[in-house]
């Protein structure tokens, strides 16, 4: 019975600590008038109510895409003859 409890604990240990997920780092960006109007129009057109979430997800998506594109791949060094 004790072995089953150990297995359960191991699974729950993989859950990230909520304190580590708290967002307490801030960034600030400046937009010109045209960029701001375009962004507001986008939010209105696609009914985006949580603007911070949208911006955070959009930025992180681009960051992760670039990391993936820059990562070495298994066949990067293969020369074609």
PDB file of N, CA and C in Angstrom:
ATOM      1  N   UNK A   1       0.816  -1.193   0.000  1.00  0.00           N
ATOM      2  CA  UNK A   1       0.000   0.000   0.000  1.00  0.00           C
ATOM      3  C   UNK A   1       0.861   1.259   0.000  1.00  0.00           C
ATOM      4  N   UNK A   2       1.974   1.229   0.727  1.00  0.00           N
ATOM      5  CA  UNK A   2       2.862   2.386   0.790  1.00  0.00           C
ATOM      6  C   UNK A   2       3.473   2.679  -0.580  1.00  0.00           C
ATOM      7  N   UNK A   3       3.719   1.634  -1.371  1.00  0.00           N
ATOM      8  CA  UNK A   3       4.291   1.833  -2.695  1.00  0.00           C
ATOM      9  C   UNK A   3       3.332   2.603  -3.602  1.00  0.00           C
ATOM     10  N   UNK A   4       2.049   2.350  -3.492  1.00  0.00           N
ATOM     11  CA  UNK A   4       1.074   3.072  -4.298  1.00  0.00           C
ATOM     12  C   UNK A   4       1.092   4.556  -3.943  1.00  0.00           C
ATOM     13  N   UNK A   5       1.206   4.865  -2.655  1.00  0.00           N
ATOM     14  CA  UNK A   5       1.255   6.265  -2.228  1.00  0.00           C
ATOM     15  C   UNK A   5       2.488   6.965  -2.761  1.00  0.00           C
ATOM     16  N   UNK A   6       3.619   6.272  -2.825  1.00  0.00           N
ATOM     17  CA  UNK A   6       4.840   6.860  -3.362  1.00  0.00           C
ATOM     18  C   UNK A   6       4.663   7.198  -4.839  1.00  0.00           C
ATOM     19  N   UNK A   7       4.014   6.324  -5.581  1.00  0.00           N
ATOM     20  CA  UNK A   7       3.791   6.578  -6.997  1.00  0.00           C
ATOM     21  C   UNK A   7       2.910   7.803  -7.193  1.00  0.00           C
ATOM     22  N   UNK A   8       1.901   7.942  -6.361  1.00  0.00           N
ATOM     23  CA  UNK A   8       1.018   9.092  -6.461  1.00  0.00           C
ATOM     24  C   UNK A   8       1.783  10.369  -6.157  1.00  0.00           C
ATOM     25  N   UNK A   9       2.622  10.356  -5.160  1.00  0.00           N
ATOM     26  CA  UNK A   9       3.414  11.535  -4.815  1.00  0.00           C
ATOM     27  C   UNK A   9       4.333  11.942  -5.955  1.00  0.00           C
ATOM     28  N   UNK A  10       4.924  10.978  -6.616  1.00  0.00           N
ATOM     29  CA  UNK A  10       5.828  11.293  -7.721  1.00  0.00           C
ATOM     30  C   UNK A  10       5.071  12.027  -8.815  1.00  0.00           C
ATOM     31  N   UNK A  11       3.850  11.634  -9.100  1.00  0.00           N
ATOM     32  CA  UNK A  11       3.071  12.290 -10.135  1.00  0.00           C
ATOM     33  C   UNK A  11       2.726  13.721  -9.731  1.00  0.00           C
ATOM     34  N   UNK A  12       2.381  13.932  -8.480  1.00  0.00           N
ATOM     35  CA  UNK A  12       2.017  15.278  -8.041  1.00  0.00           C
ATOM     36  C   UNK A  12       3.239  16.182  -7.931  1.00  0.00           C
ATOM     37  N   UNK A  13       4.424  15.632  -7.778  1.00  0.00           N
ATOM     38  CA  UNK A  13       5.639  16.443  -7.712  1.00  0.00           C
ATOM     39  C   UNK A  13       5.918  17.124  -9.046  1.00  0.00           C
ATOM     40  N   UNK A  14       5.409  16.584 -10.144  1.00  0.00           N
ATOM     41  CA  UNK A  14       5.658  17.141 -11.465  1.00  0.00           C
ATOM     42  C   UNK A  14       4.794  18.369 -11.740  1.00  0.00           C
ATOM     43  N   UNK A  15       3.798  18.629 -10.918  1.00  0.00           N
ATOM     44  CA  UNK A  15       2.956  19.803 -11.089  1.00  0.00           C
ATOM     45  C   UNK A  15       3.766  21.029 -10.683  1.00  0.00           C
ATOM     46  N   UNK A  16       3.827  22.040 -11.560  1.00  0.00           N
ATOM     47  CA  UNK A  16       4.626  23.220 -11.228  1.00  0.00           C
ATOM     48  C   UNK A  16       4.079  23.944  -9.999  1.00  0.00           C
ATOM     49  N   UNK A  17       4.985  24.516  -9.240  1.00  0.00           N
ATOM     50  CA  UNK A  17       4.618  25.273  -8.060  1.00  0.00           C
ATOM     51  C   UNK A  17       3.915  26.553  -8.497  1.00  0.00           C
ATOM     52  N   UNK A  18       2.767  26.841  -7.928  1.00  0.00           N
ATOM     53  CA  UNK A  18       1.986  28.019  -8.313  1.00  0.00           C
ATOM     54  C   UNK A  18       2.772  29.312  -8.090  1.00  0.00           C
ATOM     55  N   UNK A  19       3.625  29.330  -7.073  1.00  0.00           N
ATOM     56  CA  UNK A  19       4.390  30.531  -6.791  1.00  0.00           C
ATOM     57  C   UNK A  19       5.371  30.848  -7.920  1.00  0.00           C
ATOM     58  N   UNK A  20       5.855  29.821  -8.599  1.00  0.00           N
ATOM     59  CA  UNK A  20       6.791  30.028  -9.700  1.00  0.00           C
ATOM     60  C   UNK A  20       6.079  30.550 -10.945  1.00  0.00           C
ATOM     61  N   UNK A  21       4.766  30.337 -11.023  1.00  0.00           N
ATOM     62  CA  UNK A  21       4.006  30.753 -12.198  1.00  0.00           C
ATOM     63  C   UNK A  21       3.430  32.168 -12.079  1.00  0.00           C
ATOM     64  N   UNK A  22       3.578  32.787 -10.930  1.00  0.00           N
ATOM     65  CA  UNK A  22       3.061  34.135 -10.736  1.00  0.00           C
ATOM     66  C   UNK A  22       3.830  35.094 -11.632  1.00  0.00           C
ATOM     67  N   UNK A  23       3.094  35.925 -12.348  1.00  0.00           N
ATOM     68  CA  UNK A  23       3.735  36.892 -13.260  1.00  0.00           C
ATOM     69  C   UNK A  23       3.986  38.185 -12.510  1.00  0.00           C
ATOM     70  N   UNK A  24       5.227  38.435 -12.163  1.00  0.00           N
ATOM     71  CA  UNK A  24       5.564  39.669 -11.466  1.00  0.00           C
ATOM     72  C   UNK A  24       6.622  40.480 -12.213  1.00  0.00           C
ATOM     73  N   UNK A  25       6.967  40.059 -13.410  1.00  0.00           N
ATOM     74  CA  UNK A  25       7.911  40.795 -14.256  1.00  0.00           C
ATOM     75  C   UNK A  25       7.099  41.612 -15.261  1.00  0.00           C
ATOM     76  N   UNK A  26       7.421  42.885 -15.399  1.00  0.00           N
ATOM     77  CA  UNK A  26       6.667  43.761 -16.292  1.00  0.00           C
ATOM     78  C   UNK A  26       7.531  44.226 -17.453  1.00  0.00           C
ATOM     79  N   UNK A  27       6.864  44.417 -18.601  1.00  0.00           N
ATOM     80  CA  UNK A  27       7.512  45.083 -19.728  1.00  0.00           C
ATOM     81  C   UNK A  27       6.565  46.182 -20.201  1.00  0.00           C
ATOM     82  N   UNK A  28       7.129  47.147 -20.873  1.00  0.00           N
ATOM     83  CA  UNK A  28       6.329  48.251 -21.379  1.00  0.00           C
ATOM     84  C   UNK A  28       6.771  48.514 -22.811  1.00  0.00           C
ATOM     85  N   UNK A  29       5.807  48.741 -23.691  1.00  0.00           N
ATOM     86  CA  UNK A  29       6.141  49.055 -25.077  1.00  0.00           C
ATOM     87  C   UNK A  29       5.448  50.356 -25.463  1.00  0.00           C
ATOM     88  N   UNK A  30       6.008  51.036 -26.424  1.00  0.00           N
ATOM     89  CA  UNK A  30       5.420  52.268 -26.932  1.00  0.00           C
ATOM     90  C   UNK A  30       4.987  52.042 -28.373  1.00  0.00           C
ATOM     91  N   UNK A  31       3.804  52.514 -28.697  1.00  0.00           N
ATOM     92  CA  UNK A  31       3.275  52.399 -30.056  1.00  0.00           C
ATOM     93  C   UNK A  31       2.979  53.800 -30.583  1.00  0.00           C
ATOM     94  N   UNK A  32       3.096  53.962 -31.890  1.00  0.00           N
ATOM     95  CA  UNK A  32       2.667  55.242 -32.462  1.00  0.00           C
ATOM     96  C   UNK A  32       1.150  55.202 -32.634  1.00  0.00           C
ATOM     97  N   UNK A  33       0.565  56.300 -33.048  1.00  0.00           N
ATOM     98  CA  UNK A  33      -0.895  56.395 -33.140  1.00  0.00           C
ATOM     99  C   UNK A  33      -1.481  55.366 -34.107  1.00  0.00           C
ATOM    100  N   UNK A  34      -0.844  55.185 -35.255  1.00  0.00           N
ATOM    101  CA  UNK A  34      -1.355  54.244 -36.253  1.00  0.00           C
ATOM    102  C   UNK A  34      -1.300  52.803 -35.740  1.00  0.00           C
ATOM    103  N   UNK A  35      -0.202  52.455 -35.080  1.00  0.00           N
ATOM    104  CA  UNK A  35      -0.079  51.099 -34.521  1.00  0.00           C
ATOM    105  C   UNK A  35      -1.141  50.857 -33.452  1.00  0.00           C
ATOM    106  N   UNK A  36      -1.381  51.854 -32.616  1.00  0.00           N
ATOM    107  CA  UNK A  36      -2.377  51.705 -31.558  1.00  0.00           C
ATOM    108  C   UNK A  36      -3.775  51.571 -32.133  1.00  0.00           C
ATOM    109  N   UNK A  37      -4.096  52.362 -33.142  1.00  0.00           N
ATOM    110  CA  UNK A  37      -5.417  52.246 -33.783  1.00  0.00           C
ATOM    111  C   UNK A  37      -5.597  50.866 -34.414  1.00  0.00           C
ATOM    112  N   UNK A  38      -4.544  50.372 -35.067  1.00  0.00           N
ATOM    113  CA  UNK A  38      -4.619  49.046 -35.691  1.00  0.00           C
ATOM    114  C   UNK A  38      -4.826  47.970 -34.633  1.00  0.00           C
ATOM    115  N   UNK A  39      -4.114  48.080 -33.527  1.00  0.00           N
ATOM    116  CA  UNK A  39      -4.245  47.100 -32.452  1.00  0.00           C
ATOM    117  C   UNK A  39      -5.639  47.155 -31.839  1.00  0.00           C
ATOM    118  N   UNK A  40      -6.151  48.349 -31.591  1.00  0.00           N
ATOM    119  CA  UNK A  40      -7.497  48.481 -31.041  1.00  0.00           C
ATOM    120  C   UNK A  40      -8.548  47.946 -31.995  1.00  0.00           C
ATOM    121  N   UNK A  41      -8.365  48.208 -33.284  1.00  0.00           N
ATOM    122  CA  UNK A  41      -9.297  47.683 -34.293  1.00  0.00           C
ATOM    123  C   UNK A  41      -9.273  46.156 -34.306  1.00  0.00           C
ATOM    124  N   UNK A  42      -8.072  45.588 -34.205  1.00  0.00           N
ATOM    125  CA  UNK A  42      -7.922  44.133 -34.162  1.00  0.00           C
ATOM    126  C   UNK A  42      -8.649  43.562 -32.950  1.00  0.00           C
ATOM    127  N   UNK A  43      -8.439  44.169 -31.770  1.00  0.00           N
ATOM    128  CA  UNK A  43      -9.092  43.702 -30.547  1.00  0.00           C
ATOM    129  C   UNK A  43     -10.610  43.755 -30.688  1.00  0.00           C
ATOM    130  N   UNK A  44     -11.100  44.823 -31.287  1.00  0.00           N
ATOM    131  CA  UNK A  44     -12.541  44.965 -31.444  1.00  0.00           C
ATOM    132  C   UNK A  44     -13.094  43.971 -32.468  1.00  0.00           C
ATOM    133  N   UNK A  45     -12.412  43.841 -33.587  1.00  0.00           N
ATOM    134  CA  UNK A  45     -12.888  42.965 -34.661  1.00  0.00           C
ATOM    135  C   UNK A  45     -12.951  41.509 -34.208  1.00  0.00           C
ATOM    136  N   UNK A  46     -11.926  41.056 -33.486  1.00  0.00           N
ATOM    137  CA  UNK A  46     -11.867  39.659 -33.068  1.00  0.00           C
ATOM    138  C   UNK A  46     -12.326  39.450 -31.624  1.00  0.00           C
ATOM    139  N   UNK A  47     -12.953  40.484 -31.066  1.00  0.00           N
ATOM    140  CA  UNK A  47     -13.557  40.415 -29.724  1.00  0.00           C
ATOM    141  C   UNK A  47     -12.586  39.894 -28.672  1.00  0.00           C
ATOM    142  N   UNK A  48     -11.408  40.479 -28.653  1.00  0.00           N
ATOM    143  CA  UNK A  48     -10.383  40.104 -27.676  1.00  0.00           C
ATOM    144  C   UNK A  48     -10.571  40.982 -26.452  1.00  0.00           C
ATOM    145  N   UNK A  49     -10.960  40.361 -25.353  1.00  0.00           N
ATOM    146  CA  UNK A  49     -11.217  41.142 -24.137  1.00  0.00           C
ATOM    147  C   UNK A  49      -9.993  41.170 -23.222  1.00  0.00           C
ATOM    148  N   UNK A  50      -9.189  40.123 -23.240  1.00  0.00           N
ATOM    149  CA  UNK A  50      -8.008  40.069 -22.385  1.00  0.00           C
ATOM    150  C   UNK A  50      -6.779  40.433 -23.222  1.00  0.00           C
ATOM    151  N   UNK A  51      -6.512  41.719 -23.278  1.00  0.00           N
ATOM    152  CA  UNK A  51      -5.438  42.223 -24.144  1.00  0.00           C
ATOM    153  C   UNK A  51      -4.051  41.793 -23.664  1.00  0.00           C
ATOM    154  N   UNK A  52      -3.854  41.766 -22.350  1.00  0.00           N
ATOM    155  CA  UNK A  52      -2.554  41.356 -21.807  1.00  0.00           C
ATOM    156  C   UNK A  52      -2.256  39.907 -22.165  1.00  0.00           C
ATOM    157  N   UNK A  53      -3.254  39.056 -22.038  1.00  0.00           N
ATOM    158  CA  UNK A  53      -3.078  37.640 -22.376  1.00  0.00           C
ATOM    159  C   UNK A  53      -2.751  37.492 -23.862  1.00  0.00           C
ATOM    160  N   UNK A  54      -3.473  38.228 -24.710  1.00  0.00           N
ATOM    161  CA  UNK A  54      -3.231  38.164 -26.141  1.00  0.00           C
ATOM    162  C   UNK A  54      -1.795  38.579 -26.475  1.00  0.00           C
ATOM    163  N   UNK A  55      -1.361  39.704 -25.917  1.00  0.00           N
ATOM    164  CA  UNK A  55      -0.008  40.191 -26.198  1.00  0.00           C
ATOM    165  C   UNK A  55       1.046  39.222 -25.682  1.00  0.00           C
ATOM    166  N   UNK A  56       0.855  38.719 -24.479  1.00  0.00           N
ATOM    167  CA  UNK A  56       1.809  37.767 -23.887  1.00  0.00           C
ATOM    168  C   UNK A  56       1.903  36.508 -24.754  1.00  0.00           C
ATOM    169  N   UNK A  57       0.761  35.952 -25.144  1.00  0.00           N
ATOM    170  CA  UNK A  57       0.771  34.722 -25.949  1.00  0.00           C
ATOM    171  C   UNK A  57       1.373  34.957 -27.326  1.00  0.00           C
ATOM    172  N   UNK A  58       1.087  36.101 -27.920  1.00  0.00           N
ATOM    173  CA  UNK A  58       1.620  36.414 -29.250  1.00  0.00           C
ATOM    174  C   UNK A  58       3.142  36.561 -29.200  1.00  0.00           C
ATOM    175  N   UNK A  59       3.629  37.255 -28.204  1.00  0.00           N
ATOM    176  CA  UNK A  59       5.079  37.428 -28.056  1.00  0.00           C
ATOM    177  C   UNK A  59       5.757  36.091 -27.800  1.00  0.00           C
ATOM    178  N   UNK A  60       5.232  35.313 -26.865  1.00  0.00           N
ATOM    179  CA  UNK A  60       5.859  34.038 -26.525  1.00  0.00           C
ATOM    180  C   UNK A  60       5.800  33.049 -27.694  1.00  0.00           C
ATOM    181  N   UNK A  61       4.743  33.096 -28.483  1.00  0.00           N
ATOM    182  CA  UNK A  61       4.648  32.233 -29.660  1.00  0.00           C
ATOM    183  C   UNK A  61       5.784  32.534 -30.631  1.00  0.00           C
ATOM    184  N   UNK A  62       6.039  33.813 -30.863  1.00  0.00           N
ATOM    185  CA  UNK A  62       7.125  34.200 -31.766  1.00  0.00           C
ATOM    186  C   UNK A  62       8.493  33.811 -31.196  1.00  0.00           C
ATOM    187  N   UNK A  63       8.672  34.013 -29.905  1.00  0.00           N
ATOM    188  CA  UNK A  63       9.942  33.649 -29.259  1.00  0.00           C
ATOM    189  C   UNK A  63      10.193  32.145 -29.400  1.00  0.00           C
ATOM    190  N   UNK A  64       9.190  31.341 -29.106  1.00  0.00           N
ATOM    191  CA  UNK A  64       9.359  29.883 -29.190  1.00  0.00           C
ATOM    192  C   UNK A  64       9.583  29.418 -30.622  1.00  0.00           C
ATOM    193  N   UNK A  65       8.906  30.054 -31.593  1.00  0.00           N
ATOM    194  CA  UNK A  65       9.123  29.707 -33.001  1.00  0.00           C
ATOM    195  C   UNK A  65      10.573  29.976 -33.409  1.00  0.00           C
ATOM    196  N   UNK A  66      11.093  31.107 -32.975  1.00  0.00           N
ATOM    197  CA  UNK A  66      12.482  31.449 -33.336  1.00  0.00           C
ATOM    198  C   UNK A  66      13.477  30.535 -32.652  1.00  0.00           C
ATOM    199  N   UNK A  67      13.221  30.195 -31.388  1.00  0.00           N
ATOM    200  CA  UNK A  67      14.093  29.238 -30.706  1.00  0.00           C
ATOM    201  C   UNK A  67      14.109  27.914 -31.453  1.00  0.00           C
ATOM    202  N   UNK A  68      12.935  27.465 -31.875  1.00  0.00           N
ATOM    203  CA  UNK A  68      12.843  26.196 -32.591  1.00  0.00           C
ATOM    204  C   UNK A  68      13.550  26.279 -33.943  1.00  0.00           C
ATOM    205  N   UNK A  69      13.396  27.380 -34.638  1.00  0.00           N
ATOM    206  CA  UNK A  69      14.041  27.553 -35.945  1.00  0.00           C
ATOM    207  C   UNK A  69      15.556  27.626 -35.810  1.00  0.00           C
ATOM    208  N   UNK A  70      16.043  28.217 -34.723  1.00  0.00           N
ATOM    209  CA  UNK A  70      17.481  28.366 -34.528  1.00  0.00           C
ATOM    210  C   UNK A  70      18.146  27.131 -33.933  1.00  0.00           C
ATOM    211  N   UNK A  71      17.351  26.225 -33.406  1.00  0.00           N
ATOM    212  CA  UNK A  71      17.907  25.030 -32.765  1.00  0.00           C
ATOM    213  C   UNK A  71      18.573  24.141 -33.816  1.00  0.00           C
ATOM    214  N   UNK A  72      19.705  23.559 -33.473  1.00  0.00           N
ATOM    215  CA  UNK A  72      20.357  22.661 -34.434  1.00  0.00           C
ATOM    216  C   UNK A  72      19.495  21.427 -34.677  1.00  0.00           C
ATOM    217  N   UNK A  73      19.517  20.969 -35.892  1.00  0.00           N
ATOM    218  CA  UNK A  73      18.741  19.772 -36.206  1.00  0.00           C
ATOM    219  C   UNK A  73      19.707  18.633 -36.541  1.00  0.00           C
ATOM    220  N   UNK A  74      19.196  17.474 -36.560  1.00  0.00           N
ATOM    221  CA  UNK A  74      20.010  16.275 -36.778  1.00  0.00           C
ATOM    222  C   UNK A  74      20.701  16.303 -38.141  1.00  0.00           C
ATOM    223  N   UNK A  75      20.053  16.923 -39.145  1.00  0.00           N
ATOM    224  CA  UNK A  75      20.576  16.857 -40.488  1.00  0.00           C
ATOM    225  C   UNK A  75      21.136  18.200 -40.965  1.00  0.00           C
ATOM    226  N   UNK A  76      21.443  19.119 -40.059  1.00  0.00           N
ATOM    227  CA  UNK A  76      21.996  20.407 -40.464  1.00  0.00           C
ATOM    228  C   UNK A  76      23.343  20.293 -41.160  1.00  0.00           C
ATOM    229  N   UNK A  77      24.181  19.368 -40.706  1.00  0.00           N
ATOM    230  CA  UNK A  77      25.541  19.270 -41.225  1.00  0.00           C
ATOM    231  C   UNK A  77      25.706  18.294 -42.379  1.00  0.00           C
ATOM    232  N   UNK A  78      24.629  17.742 -42.888  1.00  0.00           N
ATOM    233  CA  UNK A  78      24.711  16.780 -43.989  1.00  0.00           C
ATOM    234  C   UNK A  78      24.902  17.536 -45.302  1.00  0.00           C
ATOM    235  N   UNK A  79      25.973  17.188 -46.038  1.00  0.00           N
ATOM    236  CA  UNK A  79      26.240  17.834 -47.320  1.00  0.00           C
ATOM    237  C   UNK A  79      25.621  16.989 -48.420  1.00  0.00           C
ATOM    238  N   UNK A  80      24.967  17.705 -49.348  1.00  0.00           N
ATOM    239  CA  UNK A  80      24.387  16.999 -50.501  1.00  0.00           C
ATOM    240  C   UNK A  80      25.440  16.940 -51.605  1.00  0.00           C
ATOM    241  N   UNK A  81      25.518  15.781 -52.293  1.00  0.00           N
ATOM    242  CA  UNK A  81      26.494  15.689 -53.373  1.00  0.00           C
ATOM    243  C   UNK A  81      25.832  15.646 -54.713  1.00  0.00           C
TER     244      UNK A  81
END
